[in-house]
């Protein structure tokens, strides 16, 4: 039961953990300028909050997001999501962080 509570708390903290370089490093150890870049992008509307992206992806892909990374590309910010589908397969979805549009899956 304690492990389940820990997992739920960890999932709730995910919106605070994306890393713009895609290295998977948690939010807490980002350099101050990287944290500022993400916060500014969210305030400008260049990055949709992870909670909204997660809802969109789970609805459109009929699965559960089990991993995520936020990164900046030459086309703008994007979320790389790992989604476990109802049949148990895990897929990767590339999502436009500003619009929530699923750009591709594999």
PDB file of N, CA and C in Angstrom:
ATOM      1  N   UNK A   1       0.825  -1.193   0.000  1.00  0.00           N
ATOM      2  CA  UNK A   1       0.000   0.000   0.000  1.00  0.00           C
ATOM      3  C   UNK A   1       0.870   1.258   0.000  1.00  0.00           C
ATOM      4  N   UNK A   2       1.938   1.265   0.827  1.00  0.00           N
ATOM      5  CA  UNK A   2       2.816   2.430   0.867  1.00  0.00           C
ATOM      6  C   UNK A   2       3.483   2.651  -0.484  1.00  0.00           C
ATOM      7  N   UNK A   3       3.826   1.549  -1.140  1.00  0.00           N
ATOM      8  CA  UNK A   3       4.466   1.666  -2.457  1.00  0.00           C
ATOM      9  C   UNK A   3       3.500   2.299  -3.456  1.00  0.00           C
ATOM     10  N   UNK A   4       2.232   1.922  -3.399  1.00  0.00           N
ATOM     11  CA  UNK A   4       1.228   2.490  -4.282  1.00  0.00           C
ATOM     12  C   UNK A   4       1.083   3.989  -4.034  1.00  0.00           C
ATOM     13  N   UNK A   5       1.064   4.398  -2.782  1.00  0.00           N
ATOM     14  CA  UNK A   5       0.969   5.821  -2.452  1.00  0.00           C
ATOM     15  C   UNK A   5       2.182   6.566  -2.993  1.00  0.00           C
ATOM     16  N   UNK A   6       3.367   5.986  -2.844  1.00  0.00           N
ATOM     17  CA  UNK A   6       4.583   6.602  -3.367  1.00  0.00           C
ATOM     18  C   UNK A   6       4.501   6.770  -4.883  1.00  0.00           C
ATOM     19  N   UNK A   7       4.005   5.758  -5.577  1.00  0.00           N
ATOM     20  CA  UNK A   7       3.884   5.823  -7.036  1.00  0.00           C
ATOM     21  C   UNK A   7       2.891   6.907  -7.432  1.00  0.00           C
ATOM     22  N   UNK A   8       1.765   6.993  -6.735  1.00  0.00           N
ATOM     23  CA  UNK A   8       0.764   8.013  -7.045  1.00  0.00           C
ATOM     24  C   UNK A   8       1.356   9.408  -6.830  1.00  0.00           C
ATOM     25  N   UNK A   9       2.096   9.596  -5.737  1.00  0.00           N
ATOM     26  CA  UNK A   9       2.727  10.893  -5.485  1.00  0.00           C
ATOM     27  C   UNK A   9       3.764  11.219  -6.549  1.00  0.00           C
ATOM     28  N   UNK A  10       4.502  10.227  -6.977  1.00  0.00           N
ATOM     29  CA  UNK A  10       5.503  10.434  -8.019  1.00  0.00           C
ATOM     30  C   UNK A  10       4.844  10.833  -9.335  1.00  0.00           C
ATOM     31  N   UNK A  11       3.761  10.170  -9.679  1.00  0.00           N
ATOM     32  CA  UNK A  11       3.045  10.506 -10.915  1.00  0.00           C
ATOM     33  C   UNK A  11       2.489  11.928 -10.826  1.00  0.00           C
ATOM     34  N   UNK A  12       1.985  12.307  -9.660  1.00  0.00           N
ATOM     35  CA  UNK A  12       1.454  13.664  -9.494  1.00  0.00           C
ATOM     36  C   UNK A  12       2.541  14.716  -9.669  1.00  0.00           C
ATOM     37  N   UNK A  13       3.789  14.360  -9.376  1.00  0.00           N
ATOM     38  CA  UNK A  13       4.902  15.312  -9.493  1.00  0.00           C
ATOM     39  C   UNK A  13       5.474  15.381 -10.895  1.00  0.00           C
ATOM     40  N   UNK A  14       5.048  14.521 -11.799  1.00  0.00           N
ATOM     41  CA  UNK A  14       5.614  14.502 -13.151  1.00  0.00           C
ATOM     42  C   UNK A  14       5.572  15.838 -13.875  1.00  0.00           C
ATOM     43  N   UNK A  15       4.528  16.656 -13.710  1.00  0.00           N
ATOM     44  CA  UNK A  15       4.558  17.936 -14.429  1.00  0.00           C
ATOM     45  C   UNK A  15       5.730  18.818 -14.033  1.00  0.00           C
ATOM     46  N   UNK A  16       6.329  18.559 -12.905  1.00  0.00           N
ATOM     47  CA  UNK A  16       7.460  19.366 -12.463  1.00  0.00           C
ATOM     48  C   UNK A  16       8.796  18.787 -12.902  1.00  0.00           C
ATOM     49  N   UNK A  17       8.793  17.663 -13.609  1.00  0.00           N
ATOM     50  CA  UNK A  17      10.024  16.953 -13.868  1.00  0.00           C
ATOM     51  C   UNK A  17      10.527  16.951 -15.314  1.00  0.00           C
ATOM     52  N   UNK A  18       9.857  17.544 -16.287  1.00  0.00           N
ATOM     53  CA  UNK A  18      10.372  17.419 -17.647  1.00  0.00           C
ATOM     54  C   UNK A  18      11.715  18.108 -17.817  1.00  0.00           C
ATOM     55  N   UNK A  19      12.506  17.581 -18.714  1.00  0.00           N
ATOM     56  CA  UNK A  19      13.832  18.119 -18.981  1.00  0.00           C
ATOM     57  C   UNK A  19      13.911  18.499 -20.445  1.00  0.00           C
ATOM     58  N   UNK A  20      14.197  19.764 -20.763  1.00  0.00           N
ATOM     59  CA  UNK A  20      14.142  20.203 -22.146  1.00  0.00           C
ATOM     60  C   UNK A  20      15.150  19.552 -23.069  1.00  0.00           C
ATOM     61  N   UNK A  21      16.238  19.046 -22.538  1.00  0.00           N
ATOM     62  CA  UNK A  21      17.236  18.429 -23.414  1.00  0.00           C
ATOM     63  C   UNK A  21      16.905  16.985 -23.729  1.00  0.00           C
ATOM     64  N   UNK A  22      15.901  16.429 -23.045  1.00  0.00           N
ATOM     65  CA  UNK A  22      15.512  15.051 -23.302  1.00  0.00           C
ATOM     66  C   UNK A  22      16.427  14.036 -22.644  1.00  0.00           C
ATOM     67  N   UNK A  23      17.285  14.483 -21.731  1.00  0.00           N
ATOM     68  CA  UNK A  23      18.228  13.554 -21.121  1.00  0.00           C
ATOM     69  C   UNK A  23      17.596  12.713 -20.028  1.00  0.00           C
ATOM     70  N   UNK A  24      16.381  13.063 -19.625  1.00  0.00           N
ATOM     71  CA  UNK A  24      15.711  12.295 -18.589  1.00  0.00           C
ATOM     72  C   UNK A  24      16.062  12.754 -17.191  1.00  0.00           C
ATOM     73  N   UNK A  25      16.930  13.755 -17.054  1.00  0.00           N
ATOM     74  CA  UNK A  25      17.290  14.269 -15.748  1.00  0.00           C
ATOM     75  C   UNK A  25      16.073  14.925 -15.132  1.00  0.00           C
ATOM     76  N   UNK A  26      15.886  14.762 -13.821  1.00  0.00           N
ATOM     77  CA  UNK A  26      14.692  15.317 -13.203  1.00  0.00           C
ATOM     78  C   UNK A  26      14.786  16.825 -13.095  1.00  0.00           C
ATOM     79  N   UNK A  27      13.637  17.447 -12.925  1.00  0.00           N
ATOM     80  CA  UNK A  27      13.516  18.897 -12.845  1.00  0.00           C
ATOM     81  C   UNK A  27      14.425  19.456 -11.756  1.00  0.00           C
ATOM     82  N   UNK A  28      14.546  18.771 -10.637  1.00  0.00           N
ATOM     83  CA  UNK A  28      15.267  19.288  -9.484  1.00  0.00           C
ATOM     84  C   UNK A  28      16.745  19.519  -9.765  1.00  0.00           C
ATOM     85  N   UNK A  29      17.333  18.808 -10.714  1.00  0.00           N
ATOM     86  CA  UNK A  29      18.755  18.967 -10.973  1.00  0.00           C
ATOM     87  C   UNK A  29      19.037  19.725 -12.264  1.00  0.00           C
ATOM     88  N   UNK A  30      18.021  20.356 -12.837  1.00  0.00           N
ATOM     89  CA  UNK A  30      18.234  21.166 -14.020  1.00  0.00           C
ATOM     90  C   UNK A  30      19.023  22.405 -13.643  1.00  0.00           C
ATOM     91  N   UNK A  31      19.816  22.884 -14.556  1.00  0.00           N
ATOM     92  CA  UNK A  31      20.474  24.157 -14.356  1.00  0.00           C
ATOM     93  C   UNK A  31      19.405  25.243 -14.315  1.00  0.00           C
ATOM     94  N   UNK A  32      19.686  26.307 -13.600  1.00  0.00           N
ATOM     95  CA  UNK A  32      18.700  27.369 -13.422  1.00  0.00           C
ATOM     96  C   UNK A  32      18.220  27.924 -14.760  1.00  0.00           C
ATOM     97  N   UNK A  33      19.125  28.069 -15.739  1.00  0.00           N
ATOM     98  CA  UNK A  33      18.708  28.625 -17.026  1.00  0.00           C
ATOM     99  C   UNK A  33      17.784  27.673 -17.779  1.00  0.00           C
ATOM    100  N   UNK A  34      17.970  26.362 -17.624  1.00  0.00           N
ATOM    101  CA  UNK A  34      17.088  25.400 -18.268  1.00  0.00           C
ATOM    102  C   UNK A  34      15.704  25.431 -17.633  1.00  0.00           C
ATOM    103  N   UNK A  35      15.647  25.550 -16.313  1.00  0.00           N
ATOM    104  CA  UNK A  35      14.367  25.666 -15.624  1.00  0.00           C
ATOM    105  C   UNK A  35      13.645  26.917 -16.094  1.00  0.00           C
ATOM    106  N   UNK A  36      14.385  28.004 -16.202  1.00  0.00           N
ATOM    107  CA  UNK A  36      13.792  29.265 -16.657  1.00  0.00           C
ATOM    108  C   UNK A  36      13.236  29.139 -18.066  1.00  0.00           C
ATOM    109  N   UNK A  37      13.974  28.453 -18.945  1.00  0.00           N
ATOM    110  CA  UNK A  37      13.505  28.271 -20.325  1.00  0.00           C
ATOM    111  C   UNK A  37      12.164  27.555 -20.362  1.00  0.00           C
ATOM    112  N   UNK A  38      12.031  26.495 -19.570  1.00  0.00           N
ATOM    113  CA  UNK A  38      10.777  25.733 -19.546  1.00  0.00           C
ATOM    114  C   UNK A  38       9.656  26.582 -18.962  1.00  0.00           C
ATOM    115  N   UNK A  39       9.916  27.258 -17.850  1.00  0.00           N
ATOM    116  CA  UNK A  39       8.877  28.084 -17.229  1.00  0.00           C
ATOM    117  C   UNK A  39       8.436  29.218 -18.153  1.00  0.00           C
ATOM    118  N   UNK A  40       9.383  29.852 -18.826  1.00  0.00           N
ATOM    119  CA  UNK A  40       9.040  30.917 -19.769  1.00  0.00           C
ATOM    120  C   UNK A  40       8.218  30.370 -20.930  1.00  0.00           C
ATOM    121  N   UNK A  41       8.586  29.192 -21.415  1.00  0.00           N
ATOM    122  CA  UNK A  41       7.849  28.583 -22.526  1.00  0.00           C
ATOM    123  C   UNK A  41       6.415  28.266 -22.115  1.00  0.00           C
ATOM    124  N   UNK A  42       6.219  27.801 -20.899  1.00  0.00           N
ATOM    125  CA  UNK A  42       4.870  27.511 -20.404  1.00  0.00           C
ATOM    126  C   UNK A  42       4.073  28.805 -20.292  1.00  0.00           C
ATOM    127  N   UNK A  43       4.689  29.848 -19.729  1.00  0.00           N
ATOM    128  CA  UNK A  43       3.982  31.130 -19.566  1.00  0.00           C
ATOM    129  C   UNK A  43       3.633  31.761 -20.908  1.00  0.00           C
ATOM    130  N   UNK A  44       4.501  31.601 -21.905  1.00  0.00           N
ATOM    131  CA  UNK A  44       4.240  32.142 -23.241  1.00  0.00           C
ATOM    132  C   UNK A  44       3.191  31.334 -23.994  1.00  0.00           C
ATOM    133  N   UNK A  45       2.925  30.127 -23.536  1.00  0.00           N
ATOM    134  CA  UNK A  45       1.999  29.259 -24.244  1.00  0.00           C
ATOM    135  C   UNK A  45       2.683  28.373 -25.264  1.00  0.00           C
ATOM    136  N   UNK A  46       4.017  28.334 -25.253  1.00  0.00           N
ATOM    137  CA  UNK A  46       4.764  27.473 -26.170  1.00  0.00           C
ATOM    138  C   UNK A  46       4.744  26.017 -25.723  1.00  0.00           C
ATOM    139  N   UNK A  47       4.468  25.785 -24.444  1.00  0.00           N
ATOM    140  CA  UNK A  47       4.428  24.433 -23.887  1.00  0.00           C
ATOM    141  C   UNK A  47       3.145  24.283 -23.086  1.00  0.00           C
ATOM    142  N   UNK A  48       2.345  23.285 -23.467  1.00  0.00           N
ATOM    143  CA  UNK A  48       1.136  22.952 -22.732  1.00  0.00           C
ATOM    144  C   UNK A  48       1.539  22.152 -21.492  1.00  0.00           C
ATOM    145  N   UNK A  49       0.881  22.362 -20.363  1.00  0.00           N
ATOM    146  CA  UNK A  49       1.228  21.589 -19.168  1.00  0.00           C
ATOM    147  C   UNK A  49       1.136  20.081 -19.433  1.00  0.00           C
ATOM    148  N   UNK A  50       2.024  19.348 -18.792  1.00  0.00           N
ATOM    149  CA  UNK A  50       2.088  17.899 -18.973  1.00  0.00           C
ATOM    150  C   UNK A  50       0.746  17.231 -18.674  1.00  0.00           C
ATOM    151  N   UNK A  51       0.031  17.713 -17.663  1.00  0.00           N
ATOM    152  CA  UNK A  51      -1.249  17.077 -17.301  1.00  0.00           C
ATOM    153  C   UNK A  51      -2.229  17.099 -18.474  1.00  0.00           C
ATOM    154  N   UNK A  52      -2.249  18.187 -19.231  1.00  0.00           N
ATOM    155  CA  UNK A  52      -3.140  18.266 -20.400  1.00  0.00           C
ATOM    156  C   UNK A  52      -2.648  17.361 -21.522  1.00  0.00           C
ATOM    157  N   UNK A  53      -1.339  17.380 -21.758  1.00  0.00           N
ATOM    158  CA  UNK A  53      -0.754  16.517 -22.798  1.00  0.00           C
ATOM    159  C   UNK A  53      -1.063  15.053 -22.487  1.00  0.00           C
ATOM    160  N   UNK A  54      -0.916  14.687 -21.232  1.00  0.00           N
ATOM    161  CA  UNK A  54      -1.162  13.310 -20.802  1.00  0.00           C
ATOM    162  C   UNK A  54      -2.610  12.906 -21.086  1.00  0.00           C
ATOM    163  N   UNK A  55      -3.556  13.763 -20.737  1.00  0.00           N
ATOM    164  CA  UNK A  55      -4.978  13.458 -20.986  1.00  0.00           C
ATOM    165  C   UNK A  55      -5.250  13.290 -22.482  1.00  0.00           C
ATOM    166  N   UNK A  56      -4.681  14.186 -23.286  1.00  0.00           N
ATOM    167  CA  UNK A  56      -4.884  14.111 -24.737  1.00  0.00           C
ATOM    168  C   UNK A  56      -4.333  12.797 -25.287  1.00  0.00           C
ATOM    169  N   UNK A  57      -3.088  12.483 -24.920  1.00  0.00           N
ATOM    170  CA  UNK A  57      -2.435  11.281 -25.450  1.00  0.00           C
ATOM    171  C   UNK A  57      -3.158  10.013 -25.015  1.00  0.00           C
ATOM    172  N   UNK A  58      -3.531   9.943 -23.743  1.00  0.00           N
ATOM    173  CA  UNK A  58      -4.208   8.734 -23.265  1.00  0.00           C
ATOM    174  C   UNK A  58      -5.545   8.543 -23.963  1.00  0.00           C
ATOM    175  N   UNK A  59      -6.242   9.628 -24.209  1.00  0.00           N
ATOM    176  CA  UNK A  59      -7.535   9.545 -24.890  1.00  0.00           C
ATOM    177  C   UNK A  59      -7.369   9.116 -26.346  1.00  0.00           C
ATOM    178  N   UNK A  60      -6.456   9.763 -27.062  1.00  0.00           N
ATOM    179  CA  UNK A  60      -6.289   9.478 -28.488  1.00  0.00           C
ATOM    180  C   UNK A  60      -5.617   8.138 -28.757  1.00  0.00           C
ATOM    181  N   UNK A  61      -4.731   7.707 -27.855  1.00  0.00           N
ATOM    182  CA  UNK A  61      -3.971   6.480 -28.099  1.00  0.00           C
ATOM    183  C   UNK A  61      -4.510   5.273 -27.345  1.00  0.00           C
ATOM    184  N   UNK A  62      -5.580   5.486 -26.567  1.00  0.00           N
ATOM    185  CA  UNK A  62      -6.223   4.377 -25.867  1.00  0.00           C
ATOM    186  C   UNK A  62      -5.236   3.610 -24.993  1.00  0.00           C
ATOM    187  N   UNK A  63      -4.528   4.353 -24.131  1.00  0.00           N
ATOM    188  CA  UNK A  63      -3.543   3.729 -23.258  1.00  0.00           C
ATOM    189  C   UNK A  63      -3.220   4.624 -22.075  1.00  0.00           C
ATOM    190  N   UNK A  64      -2.130   4.274 -21.373  1.00  0.00           N
ATOM    191  CA  UNK A  64      -1.687   5.007 -20.197  1.00  0.00           C
ATOM    192  C   UNK A  64      -0.252   5.467 -20.414  1.00  0.00           C
ATOM    193  N   UNK A  65       0.005   6.755 -20.162  1.00  0.00           N
ATOM    194  CA  UNK A  65       1.361   7.277 -20.285  1.00  0.00           C
ATOM    195  C   UNK A  65       2.193   6.731 -19.124  1.00  0.00           C
ATOM    196  N   UNK A  66       3.312   6.075 -19.451  1.00  0.00           N
ATOM    197  CA  UNK A  66       4.173   5.488 -18.424  1.00  0.00           C
ATOM    198  C   UNK A  66       5.552   6.138 -18.381  1.00  0.00           C
ATOM    199  N   UNK A  67       5.810   7.090 -19.263  1.00  0.00           N
ATOM    200  CA  UNK A  67       7.086   7.796 -19.254  1.00  0.00           C
ATOM    201  C   UNK A  67       7.002   9.011 -20.156  1.00  0.00           C
ATOM    202  N   UNK A  68       7.778  10.039 -19.820  1.00  0.00           N
ATOM    203  CA  UNK A  68       7.733  11.253 -20.614  1.00  0.00           C
ATOM    204  C   UNK A  68       9.045  12.009 -20.533  1.00  0.00           C
ATOM    205  N   UNK A  69       9.286  12.783 -21.582  1.00  0.00           N
ATOM    206  CA  UNK A  69      10.402  13.720 -21.632  1.00  0.00           C
ATOM    207  C   UNK A  69       9.938  14.931 -22.418  1.00  0.00           C
ATOM    208  N   UNK A  70      10.380  16.090 -21.990  1.00  0.00           N
ATOM    209  CA  UNK A  70      10.108  17.313 -22.735  1.00  0.00           C
ATOM    210  C   UNK A  70      11.426  17.784 -23.310  1.00  0.00           C
ATOM    211  N   UNK A  71      11.424  18.104 -24.602  1.00  0.00           N
ATOM    212  CA  UNK A  71      12.665  18.572 -25.202  1.00  0.00           C
ATOM    213  C   UNK A  71      12.376  19.617 -26.259  1.00  0.00           C
ATOM    214  N   UNK A  72      13.392  20.441 -26.471  1.00  0.00           N
ATOM    215  CA  UNK A  72      13.284  21.481 -27.490  1.00  0.00           C
ATOM    216  C   UNK A  72      13.940  20.965 -28.756  1.00  0.00           C
ATOM    217  N   UNK A  73      13.256  21.100 -29.869  1.00  0.00           N
ATOM    218  CA  UNK A  73      13.793  20.667 -31.146  1.00  0.00           C
ATOM    219  C   UNK A  73      13.838  21.875 -32.086  1.00  0.00           C
ATOM    220  N   UNK A  74      14.335  21.667 -33.284  1.00  0.00           N
ATOM    221  CA  UNK A  74      14.350  22.766 -34.256  1.00  0.00           C
ATOM    222  C   UNK A  74      12.944  23.134 -34.721  1.00  0.00           C
ATOM    223  N   UNK A  75      11.961  22.321 -34.390  1.00  0.00           N
ATOM    224  CA  UNK A  75      10.563  22.607 -34.731  1.00  0.00           C
ATOM    225  C   UNK A  75       9.771  23.114 -33.534  1.00  0.00           C
ATOM    226  N   UNK A  76      10.423  23.310 -32.421  1.00  0.00           N
ATOM    227  CA  UNK A  76       9.751  23.759 -31.201  1.00  0.00           C
ATOM    228  C   UNK A  76       9.811  22.692 -30.122  1.00  0.00           C
ATOM    229  N   UNK A  77       9.062  22.904 -29.069  1.00  0.00           N
ATOM    230  CA  UNK A  77       9.041  21.972 -27.943  1.00  0.00           C
ATOM    231  C   UNK A  77       8.188  20.761 -28.284  1.00  0.00           C
ATOM    232  N   UNK A  78       8.627  19.600 -27.787  1.00  0.00           N
ATOM    233  CA  UNK A  78       7.821  18.396 -27.972  1.00  0.00           C
ATOM    234  C   UNK A  78       7.974  17.479 -26.772  1.00  0.00           C
ATOM    235  N   UNK A  79       6.919  16.740 -26.524  1.00  0.00           N
ATOM    236  CA  UNK A  79       6.935  15.697 -25.502  1.00  0.00           C
ATOM    237  C   UNK A  79       7.170  14.363 -26.203  1.00  0.00           C
ATOM    238  N   UNK A  80       8.057  13.572 -25.650  1.00  0.00           N
ATOM    239  CA  UNK A  80       8.240  12.192 -26.076  1.00  0.00           C
ATOM    240  C   UNK A  80       7.593  11.336 -24.987  1.00  0.00           C
ATOM    241  N   UNK A  81       6.513  10.663 -25.331  1.00  0.00           N
ATOM    242  CA  UNK A  81       5.748   9.893 -24.350  1.00  0.00           C
ATOM    243  C   UNK A  81       5.858   8.408 -24.628  1.00  0.00           C
ATOM    244  N   UNK A  82       5.982   7.627 -23.575  1.00  0.00           N
ATOM    245  CA  UNK A  82       5.855   6.174 -23.676  1.00  0.00           C
ATOM    246  C   UNK A  82       4.447   5.844 -23.200  1.00  0.00           C
ATOM    247  N   UNK A  83       3.702   5.141 -24.041  1.00  0.00           N
ATOM    248  CA  UNK A  83       2.306   4.845 -23.749  1.00  0.00           C
ATOM    249  C   UNK A  83       2.102   3.333 -23.765  1.00  0.00           C
ATOM    250  N   UNK A  84       1.577   2.819 -22.647  1.00  0.00           N
ATOM    251  CA  UNK A  84       1.237   1.389 -22.581  1.00  0.00           C
ATOM    252  C   UNK A  84      -0.218   1.257 -22.995  1.00  0.00           C
ATOM    253  N   UNK A  85      -0.422   0.561 -24.104  1.00  0.00           N
ATOM    254  CA  UNK A  85      -1.770   0.378 -24.634  1.00  0.00           C
ATOM    255  C   UNK A  85      -2.493  -0.719 -23.870  1.00  0.00           C
ATOM    256  N   UNK A  86      -3.763  -0.808 -24.073  1.00  0.00           N
ATOM    257  CA  UNK A  86      -4.567  -1.796 -23.344  1.00  0.00           C
ATOM    258  C   UNK A  86      -4.184  -3.229 -23.666  1.00  0.00           C
ATOM    259  N   UNK A  87      -3.562  -3.451 -24.834  1.00  0.00           N
ATOM    260  CA  UNK A  87      -3.112  -4.801 -25.175  1.00  0.00           C
ATOM    261  C   UNK A  87      -1.737  -5.119 -24.577  1.00  0.00           C
ATOM    262  N   UNK A  88      -1.175  -4.182 -23.800  1.00  0.00           N
ATOM    263  CA  UNK A  88       0.097  -4.406 -23.124  1.00  0.00           C
ATOM    264  C   UNK A  88       1.322  -3.900 -23.876  1.00  0.00           C
ATOM    265  N   UNK A  89       1.172  -3.573 -25.157  1.00  0.00           N
ATOM    266  CA  UNK A  89       2.304  -3.063 -25.932  1.00  0.00           C
ATOM    267  C   UNK A  89       2.624  -1.642 -25.518  1.00  0.00           C
ATOM    268  N   UNK A  90       3.914  -1.306 -25.539  1.00  0.00           N
ATOM    269  CA  UNK A  90       4.352   0.052 -25.228  1.00  0.00           C
ATOM    270  C   UNK A  90       4.770   0.720 -26.525  1.00  0.00           C
ATOM    271  N   UNK A  91       4.247   1.914 -26.741  1.00  0.00           N
ATOM    272  CA  UNK A  91       4.591   2.666 -27.941  1.00  0.00           C
ATOM    273  C   UNK A  91       5.182   4.004 -27.535  1.00  0.00           C
ATOM    274  N   UNK A  92       5.891   4.630 -28.453  1.00  0.00           N
ATOM    275  CA  UNK A  92       6.415   5.972 -28.239  1.00  0.00           C
ATOM    276  C   UNK A  92       5.584   6.918 -29.091  1.00  0.00           C
ATOM    277  N   UNK A  93       5.135   8.000 -28.478  1.00  0.00           N
ATOM    278  CA  UNK A  93       4.368   9.021 -29.189  1.00  0.00           C
ATOM    279  C   UNK A  93       5.117  10.339 -29.084  1.00  0.00           C
ATOM    280  N   UNK A  94       5.308  10.987 -30.218  1.00  0.00           N
ATOM    281  CA  UNK A  94       5.917  12.307 -30.263  1.00  0.00           C
ATOM    282  C   UNK A  94       4.769  13.301 -30.364  1.00  0.00           C
ATOM    283  N   UNK A  95       4.702  14.244 -29.403  1.00  0.00           N
ATOM    284  CA  UNK A  95       3.562  15.143 -29.298  1.00  0.00           C
ATOM    285  C   UNK A  95       4.035  16.595 -29.320  1.00  0.00           C
ATOM    286  N   UNK A  96       3.395  17.415 -30.143  1.00  0.00           N
ATOM    287  CA  UNK A  96       3.674  18.838 -30.173  1.00  0.00           C
ATOM    288  C   UNK A  96       3.289  19.410 -28.815  1.00  0.00           C
ATOM    289  N   UNK A  97       4.246  20.013 -28.108  1.00  0.00           N
ATOM    290  CA  UNK A  97       4.006  20.484 -26.745  1.00  0.00           C
ATOM    291  C   UNK A  97       3.115  21.714 -26.693  1.00  0.00           C
ATOM    292  N   UNK A  98       2.967  22.418 -27.797  1.00  0.00           N
ATOM    293  CA  UNK A  98       2.138  23.615 -27.805  1.00  0.00           C
ATOM    294  C   UNK A  98       0.681  23.291 -28.117  1.00  0.00           C
ATOM    295  N   UNK A  99       0.463  22.363 -29.050  1.00  0.00           N
ATOM    296  CA  UNK A  99      -0.896  22.083 -29.503  1.00  0.00           C
ATOM    297  C   UNK A  99      -1.478  20.769 -28.984  1.00  0.00           C
ATOM    298  N   UNK A 100      -0.634  19.858 -28.561  1.00  0.00           N
ATOM    299  CA  UNK A 100      -1.100  18.541 -28.144  1.00  0.00           C
ATOM    300  C   UNK A 100      -1.281  17.581 -29.312  1.00  0.00           C
ATOM    301  N   UNK A 101      -0.955  18.024 -30.512  1.00  0.00           N
ATOM    302  CA  UNK A 101      -1.084  17.174 -31.696  1.00  0.00           C
ATOM    303  C   UNK A 101      -0.071  16.033 -31.642  1.00  0.00           C
ATOM    304  N   UNK A 102      -0.536  14.831 -31.887  1.00  0.00           N
ATOM    305  CA  UNK A 102       0.359  13.671 -31.950  1.00  0.00           C
ATOM    306  C   UNK A 102       1.007  13.671 -33.328  1.00  0.00           C
ATOM    307  N   UNK A 103       2.314  13.892 -33.338  1.00  0.00           N
ATOM    308  CA  UNK A 103       3.038  14.021 -34.601  1.00  0.00           C
ATOM    309  C   UNK A 103       3.347  12.691 -35.219  1.00  0.00           C
ATOM    310  N   UNK A 104       3.719  11.709 -34.400  1.00  0.00           N
ATOM    311  CA  UNK A 104       3.970  10.355 -34.906  1.00  0.00           C
ATOM    312  C   UNK A 104       4.036   9.382 -33.738  1.00  0.00           C
ATOM    313  N   UNK A 105       3.863   8.110 -34.075  1.00  0.00           N
ATOM    314  CA  UNK A 105       3.988   7.040 -33.090  1.00  0.00           C
ATOM    315  C   UNK A 105       4.876   5.961 -33.672  1.00  0.00           C
ATOM    316  N   UNK A 106       5.460   5.200 -32.802  1.00  0.00           N
ATOM    317  CA  UNK A 106       6.246   4.041 -33.237  1.00  0.00           C
ATOM    318  C   UNK A 106       6.212   2.990 -32.171  1.00  0.00           C
TER     319      UNK A 106
END
